[in-house]
Amino acid sequence: QVQLVESGGGLVQPGGSLRLSCAASRSFFSGLSVGWYRQAPGKQRELVARIDKSDTTEYADSVKGRFTISRDSVGTTVYLQMNNLKPDDTAIYYCNFRVTTWSNYWGQGTQVTVAS
């Protein structure tokens, strides 16, 4: 079992920045990948960014150039730096840790609201 705790969400004006954090009870290096997903009201959950154990990253087209995923050196915390935020970025953001191809864990989510 893996516990994931997200933090860093909040209300920000368009063009502003936030940094989300996801702290894990187990190193992300023990699994395949860790990522951030988001779900807006009435929409399906979608991948925002992901990093695998080789440090290969993947981003949704809508956030490329604005968001950056990274992790600390021990691999127990992953970050999502979000710059130039837009109202369409408003959603609940979830951390996901894929340990194996058949086993993955989710955090409880953190709300991000972009509004003036």
Protein backbone atom coordinates (compact mmCIF):
# COMPACT_ATOMS: atom_id res chain seq x y z
CA GLN A 1 0.00 0.00 0.00
CA VAL A 2 1.20 3.51 -0.85
CA GLN A 3 -0.07 6.75 0.62
CA LEU A 4 0.04 9.90 -1.49
CA VAL A 5 -0.63 13.34 -0.07
CA GLU A 6 -1.03 16.33 -2.38
CA SER A 7 -0.69 19.94 -1.37
CA GLY A 8 -0.23 23.37 -2.89
CA GLY A 9 -3.56 23.97 -4.54
CA GLY A 10 -5.51 27.16 -4.17
CA LEU A 11 -7.01 30.17 -5.86
CA VAL A 12 -4.83 32.12 -8.27
CA GLN A 13 -5.43 34.81 -10.86
CA PRO A 14 -4.95 34.15 -14.56
CA GLY A 15 -1.27 34.38 -15.41
CA GLY A 16 -0.24 33.38 -11.92
CA SER A 17 1.73 30.39 -10.69
CA LEU A 18 1.31 27.54 -8.25
CA ARG A 19 3.46 24.61 -7.26
CA LEU A 20 1.80 21.37 -6.32
CA SER A 21 3.54 18.76 -4.22
CA CYS A 22 2.85 15.06 -3.81
CA ALA A 23 4.50 13.28 -0.92
CA ALA A 24 4.65 9.50 -0.99
CA SER A 25 5.14 6.89 1.70
CA ARG A 26 7.44 5.02 -0.67
CA SER A 27 10.05 6.14 -3.18
CA PHE A 28 8.79 6.69 -6.70
CA PHE A 29 11.96 5.01 -7.93
CA SER A 30 10.46 1.72 -6.76
CA GLY A 31 7.76 1.95 -9.42
CA LEU A 32 7.28 2.73 -13.08
CA SER A 33 6.14 6.34 -13.13
CA VAL A 34 4.47 9.12 -11.23
CA GLY A 35 2.18 11.68 -12.69
CA TRP A 36 -0.35 14.42 -12.24
CA TYR A 37 -3.88 14.15 -13.55
CA ARG A 38 -6.72 16.60 -13.32
CA GLN A 39 -10.47 16.49 -13.46
CA ALA A 40 -12.66 19.48 -14.14
CA PRO A 41 -16.39 19.48 -13.39
CA GLY A 42 -18.28 17.46 -15.97
CA LYS A 43 -15.10 16.25 -17.65
CA GLN A 44 -13.08 13.07 -17.57
CA ARG A 45 -9.86 12.82 -15.65
CA GLU A 46 -6.92 13.59 -17.92
CA LEU A 47 -3.17 13.26 -17.78
CA VAL A 48 -1.36 16.52 -17.16
CA ALA A 49 2.24 15.41 -16.78
CA ARG A 50 4.17 12.25 -16.01
CA ILE A 51 7.76 11.31 -15.26
CA ASP A 52 9.13 7.79 -15.33
CA LYS A 53 12.02 6.25 -13.46
CA SER A 54 14.36 7.19 -16.31
CA ASP A 55 13.35 10.85 -15.96
CA THR A 56 11.49 10.80 -19.23
CA THR A 57 8.65 13.29 -19.06
CA GLU A 58 5.35 13.55 -20.85
CA TYR A 59 2.97 16.51 -20.93
CA ALA A 60 -0.51 17.21 -22.18
CA ASP A 61 -0.40 19.52 -25.17
CA SER A 62 -2.46 22.08 -23.29
CA VAL A 63 0.21 22.55 -20.61
CA LYS A 64 3.45 22.21 -22.59
CA GLY A 65 5.70 25.17 -21.97
CA ARG A 66 3.77 26.21 -18.88
CA PHE A 67 3.96 23.23 -16.50
CA THR A 68 7.01 21.33 -15.30
CA ILE A 69 7.05 18.03 -13.42
CA SER A 70 10.01 17.17 -11.24
CA ARG A 71 10.91 15.13 -8.18
CA ASP A 72 13.33 15.34 -5.32
CA SER A 73 16.57 13.38 -5.25
CA VAL A 74 15.25 10.61 -3.00
CA GLY A 75 12.10 10.22 -5.04
CA THR A 76 9.51 10.63 -2.32
CA THR A 77 8.14 13.96 -3.44
CA VAL A 78 7.04 14.99 -6.90
CA TYR A 79 6.22 18.53 -7.90
CA LEU A 80 4.18 20.22 -10.56
CA GLN A 81 5.24 23.79 -11.22
CA MET A 82 2.41 25.55 -12.99
CA ASN A 83 3.06 28.92 -14.62
CA ASN A 84 0.91 31.23 -16.69
CA LEU A 85 -2.22 29.59 -15.35
CA LYS A 86 -5.44 29.90 -17.29
CA PRO A 87 -9.09 29.53 -16.24
CA ASP A 88 -9.18 26.24 -18.20
CA ASP A 89 -6.61 24.86 -15.77
CA THR A 90 -9.22 24.94 -13.02
CA ALA A 91 -9.69 21.38 -11.76
CA ILE A 92 -8.93 18.96 -9.00
CA TYR A 93 -5.38 17.76 -9.45
CA TYR A 94 -4.48 14.20 -8.49
CA CYS A 95 -1.15 12.54 -7.99
CA ASN A 96 -0.81 9.06 -9.43
CA PHE A 97 1.91 6.52 -8.72
CA ARG A 98 2.07 3.59 -11.08
CA VAL A 99 4.01 0.90 -9.25
CA THR A 100 3.49 -1.87 -11.79
CA THR A 101 1.41 -2.24 -14.92
CA TRP A 102 -1.47 -3.55 -12.81
CA SER A 103 -1.01 -1.53 -9.63
CA ASN A 104 -1.31 2.19 -9.19
CA TYR A 105 -2.28 4.58 -6.42
CA TRP A 106 -4.06 7.92 -6.25
CA GLY A 107 -3.90 10.81 -3.87
CA GLN A 108 -6.96 12.55 -2.51
CA GLY A 109 -6.63 15.50 -4.87
CA THR A 110 -6.04 19.21 -4.45
CA GLN A 111 -8.23 21.94 -5.89
CA VAL A 112 -6.76 24.50 -8.27
CA THR A 113 -8.95 27.44 -9.19
CA VAL A 114 -7.84 30.05 -11.70
CA ALA A 115 -10.10 33.07 -11.63
CA SER A 116 -9.98 36.82 -11.37
